Amino acid sequence: MKLLVDANLSPIVATLLREHGHDVEHVVDVRLGMASDVVIFDYAVKTRRVVISCDTDFGVLLAQHRTTAPSLVLLRHMNDTAPEEQARLLVGALTATSEQLEAGAVVTLAPGHLRTRALPLGT
């Protein structure tokens, strides 16, 4: 599974996910650090990457487009969580939800909480 870590998460998260064997790009790595959510969304579709973000706007874009891609892992209530802990939680969540993410899903991840919704949203 290919992943794209959004600008609102530290590049450390991408590095740690890479160390766990994931194919990961951080938006800064691909010169999208200052890009709009729409541009990042389109890039994720084009490159078949799952977006990992704290930004709920990606869920809005998915609902508006009613598409099955890109999948999204949305981190909630983790703004004050260290990147190392975010990565640790992500590794577990990615393992637990890999089939759903490959098929098209939104995974909401918070400390002690994991929820999966199939795409397209709103159907």
C-alpha atoms as a PDB file:
ATOM      1  CA  MET A   1       0.000   0.000   0.000  1.00  0.00           C
ATOM      2  CA  LYS A   2       1.301   3.423  -0.945  1.00  0.00           C
ATOM      3  CA  LEU A   3       0.855   6.291   1.503  1.00  0.00           C
ATOM      4  CA  LEU A   4       0.936  10.089   1.336  1.00  0.00           C
ATOM      5  CA  VAL A   5       1.438  11.961   4.620  1.00  0.00           C
ATOM      6  CA  ASP A   6      -0.115  15.426   4.667  1.00  0.00           C
ATOM      7  CA  ALA A   7       1.676  18.634   5.684  1.00  0.00           C
ATOM      8  CA  ASN A   8      -0.129  18.811   9.013  1.00  0.00           C
ATOM      9  CA  LEU A   9       1.872  15.773  10.161  1.00  0.00           C
ATOM     10  CA  SER A  10       5.585  15.741  10.772  1.00  0.00           C
ATOM     11  CA  PRO A  11       7.928  14.245   8.165  1.00  0.00           C
ATOM     12  CA  ILE A  12       9.074  12.080  11.099  1.00  0.00           C
ATOM     13  CA  VAL A  13       5.797  10.166  10.762  1.00  0.00           C
ATOM     14  CA  ALA A  14       6.620   9.372   7.125  1.00  0.00           C
ATOM     15  CA  THR A  15      10.161   8.323   8.039  1.00  0.00           C
ATOM     16  CA  LEU A  16       8.951   5.980  10.785  1.00  0.00           C
ATOM     17  CA  LEU A  17       6.300   4.426   8.544  1.00  0.00           C
ATOM     18  CA  ARG A  18       9.000   3.886   5.913  1.00  0.00           C
ATOM     19  CA  GLU A  19      11.119   2.112   8.536  1.00  0.00           C
ATOM     20  CA  HIS A  20       8.168  -0.263   9.040  1.00  0.00           C
ATOM     21  CA  GLY A  21       8.261  -1.181   5.356  1.00  0.00           C
ATOM     22  CA  HIS A  22       5.600   1.148   3.967  1.00  0.00           C
ATOM     23  CA  ASP A  23       5.938   2.997   0.653  1.00  0.00           C
ATOM     24  CA  VAL A  24       5.508   6.545   1.986  1.00  0.00           C
ATOM     25  CA  GLU A  25       5.816  10.047   0.627  1.00  0.00           C
ATOM     26  CA  HIS A  26       5.401  13.195   2.676  1.00  0.00           C
ATOM     27  CA  VAL A  27       3.815  16.057   0.729  1.00  0.00           C
ATOM     28  CA  VAL A  28       7.020  18.052   1.243  1.00  0.00           C
ATOM     29  CA  ASP A  29       8.983  15.251  -0.500  1.00  0.00           C
ATOM     30  CA  VAL A  30       6.927  15.760  -3.660  1.00  0.00           C
ATOM     31  CA  ARG A  31       6.809  19.569  -3.488  1.00  0.00           C
ATOM     32  CA  LEU A  32       3.184  19.728  -2.349  1.00  0.00           C
ATOM     33  CA  GLY A  33       3.872  21.136   1.111  1.00  0.00           C
ATOM     34  CA  MET A  34       2.004  24.357   0.342  1.00  0.00           C
ATOM     35  CA  ALA A  35      -0.512  22.824  -2.078  1.00  0.00           C
ATOM     36  CA  SER A  36      -4.262  23.001  -1.630  1.00  0.00           C
ATOM     37  CA  ASP A  37      -6.187  19.977  -0.423  1.00  0.00           C
ATOM     38  CA  VAL A  38      -7.651  19.587  -3.916  1.00  0.00           C
ATOM     39  CA  VAL A  39      -4.171  19.365  -5.484  1.00  0.00           C
ATOM     40  CA  ILE A  40      -3.066  16.847  -2.840  1.00  0.00           C
ATOM     41  CA  PHE A  41      -6.294  14.879  -3.344  1.00  0.00           C
ATOM     42  CA  ASP A  42      -5.706  14.740  -7.117  1.00  0.00           C
ATOM     43  CA  TYR A  43      -2.075  13.705  -6.621  1.00  0.00           C
ATOM     44  CA  ALA A  44      -3.150  10.886  -4.293  1.00  0.00           C
ATOM     45  CA  VAL A  45      -5.654   9.638  -6.874  1.00  0.00           C
ATOM     46  CA  LYS A  46      -3.106   9.831  -9.691  1.00  0.00           C
ATOM     47  CA  THR A  47      -0.405   7.992  -7.716  1.00  0.00           C
ATOM     48  CA  ARG A  48      -2.821   5.618  -5.945  1.00  0.00           C
ATOM     49  CA  ARG A  49      -1.748   6.690  -2.462  1.00  0.00           C
ATOM     50  CA  VAL A  50      -3.724   6.609   0.771  1.00  0.00           C
ATOM     51  CA  VAL A  51      -3.806  10.072   2.347  1.00  0.00           C
ATOM     52  CA  ILE A  52      -2.855  10.287   6.024  1.00  0.00           C
ATOM     53  CA  SER A  53      -3.960  13.583   7.549  1.00  0.00           C
ATOM     54  CA  CYS A  54      -5.428  15.439  10.512  1.00  0.00           C
ATOM     55  CA  ASP A  55      -7.436  17.576   8.069  1.00  0.00           C
ATOM     56  CA  THR A  56     -11.153  16.783   7.915  1.00  0.00           C
ATOM     57  CA  ASP A  57     -11.383  18.638   4.581  1.00  0.00           C
ATOM     58  CA  PHE A  58     -10.273  15.447   2.808  1.00  0.00           C
ATOM     59  CA  GLY A  59     -13.412  13.721   4.082  1.00  0.00           C
ATOM     60  CA  VAL A  60     -15.467  16.601   2.697  1.00  0.00           C
ATOM     61  CA  LEU A  61     -13.758  16.233  -0.695  1.00  0.00           C
ATOM     62  CA  LEU A  62     -14.465  12.487  -0.688  1.00  0.00           C
ATOM     63  CA  ALA A  63     -18.128  13.093   0.140  1.00  0.00           C
ATOM     64  CA  GLN A  64     -18.442  15.754  -2.575  1.00  0.00           C
ATOM     65  CA  HIS A  65     -16.778  13.609  -5.248  1.00  0.00           C
ATOM     66  CA  ARG A  66     -18.468  10.353  -4.170  1.00  0.00           C
ATOM     67  CA  THR A  67     -15.407   8.400  -5.311  1.00  0.00           C
ATOM     68  CA  THR A  68     -13.719   5.273  -4.042  1.00  0.00           C
ATOM     69  CA  ALA A  69     -10.273   6.901  -4.059  1.00  0.00           C
ATOM     70  CA  PRO A  70      -8.160   8.081  -2.492  1.00  0.00           C
ATOM     71  CA  SER A  71      -8.557   6.249   0.773  1.00  0.00           C
ATOM     72  CA  LEU A  72      -8.000   8.376   3.847  1.00  0.00           C
ATOM     73  CA  VAL A  73      -6.621   7.755   7.319  1.00  0.00           C
ATOM     74  CA  LEU A  74      -7.840  10.641   9.452  1.00  0.00           C
ATOM     75  CA  LEU A  75      -6.063  11.223  12.741  1.00  0.00           C
ATOM     76  CA  ARG A  76      -8.317  12.849  15.325  1.00  0.00           C
ATOM     77  CA  HIS A  77      -7.456  14.380  18.681  1.00  0.00           C
ATOM     78  CA  MET A  78      -3.733  13.824  18.110  1.00  0.00           C
ATOM     79  CA  ASN A  79      -2.432  17.348  17.552  1.00  0.00           C
ATOM     80  CA  ASP A  80      -0.453  17.188  20.789  1.00  0.00           C
ATOM     81  CA  THR A  81       0.683  13.596  20.236  1.00  0.00           C
ATOM     82  CA  ALA A  82       4.364  13.052  19.430  1.00  0.00           C
ATOM     83  CA  PRO A  83       5.112  11.940  15.859  1.00  0.00           C
ATOM     84  CA  GLU A  84       6.607   8.699  17.197  1.00  0.00           C
ATOM     85  CA  GLU A  85       3.312   7.849  18.923  1.00  0.00           C
ATOM     86  CA  GLN A  86       1.301   8.861  15.865  1.00  0.00           C
ATOM     87  CA  ALA A  87       3.431   6.529  13.749  1.00  0.00           C
ATOM     88  CA  ARG A  88       3.066   3.693  16.257  1.00  0.00           C
ATOM     89  CA  LEU A  89      -0.713   4.018  16.209  1.00  0.00           C
ATOM     90  CA  LEU A  90      -0.713   4.272  12.416  1.00  0.00           C
ATOM     91  CA  VAL A  91       1.326   1.090  11.980  1.00  0.00           C
ATOM     92  CA  GLY A  92      -1.283  -0.860  13.938  1.00  0.00           C
ATOM     93  CA  ALA A  93      -4.215   0.797  12.168  1.00  0.00           C
ATOM     94  CA  LEU A  94      -2.729   0.239   8.711  1.00  0.00           C
ATOM     95  CA  THR A  95      -2.245  -3.430   9.481  1.00  0.00           C
ATOM     96  CA  ALA A  96      -5.777  -3.801  10.832  1.00  0.00           C
ATOM     97  CA  THR A  97      -7.463  -1.959   7.939  1.00  0.00           C
ATOM     98  CA  SER A  98      -5.251  -2.692   4.936  1.00  0.00           C
ATOM     99  CA  GLU A  99      -7.933  -4.597   3.004  1.00  0.00           C
ATOM    100  CA  GLN A 100     -10.495  -1.842   3.506  1.00  0.00           C
ATOM    101  CA  LEU A 101      -8.013   0.875   2.533  1.00  0.00           C
ATOM    102  CA  GLU A 102      -7.066  -1.026  -0.619  1.00  0.00           C
ATOM    103  CA  ALA A 103     -10.772  -1.261  -1.542  1.00  0.00           C
ATOM    104  CA  GLY A 104     -11.508   2.384  -0.687  1.00  0.00           C
ATOM    105  CA  ALA A 105     -12.212   3.574   2.847  1.00  0.00           C
ATOM    106  CA  VAL A 106     -11.955   6.311   5.395  1.00  0.00           C
ATOM    107  CA  VAL A 107     -10.287   5.155   8.583  1.00  0.00           C
ATOM    108  CA  THR A 108     -10.673   7.444  11.569  1.00  0.00           C
ATOM    109  CA  LEU A 109      -7.965   6.921  14.158  1.00  0.00           C
ATOM    110  CA  ALA A 110      -7.862   8.413  17.638  1.00  0.00           C
ATOM    111  CA  PRO A 111      -6.263   7.165  20.841  1.00  0.00           C
ATOM    112  CA  GLY A 112      -8.315   4.102  21.782  1.00  0.00           C
ATOM    113  CA  HIS A 113     -10.589   4.434  18.734  1.00  0.00           C
ATOM    114  CA  LEU A 114     -10.583   3.023  15.202  1.00  0.00           C
ATOM    115  CA  ARG A 115     -13.493   3.396  12.789  1.00  0.00           C
ATOM    116  CA  THR A 116     -13.718   2.354   9.129  1.00  0.00           C
ATOM    117  CA  ARG A 117     -16.214   3.584   6.537  1.00  0.00           C
ATOM    118  CA  ALA A 118     -16.305   2.257   2.991  1.00  0.00           C
ATOM    119  CA  LEU A 119     -16.088   4.642   0.058  1.00  0.00           C
ATOM    120  CA  PRO A 120     -17.920   6.247  -1.603  1.00  0.00           C
ATOM    121  CA  LEU A 121     -19.261   8.291   1.311  1.00  0.00           C
ATOM    122  CA  GLY A 122     -22.882   9.337   1.383  1.00  0.00           C
ATOM    123  CA  THR A 123     -24.279   6.365  -0.474  1.00  0.00           C
END
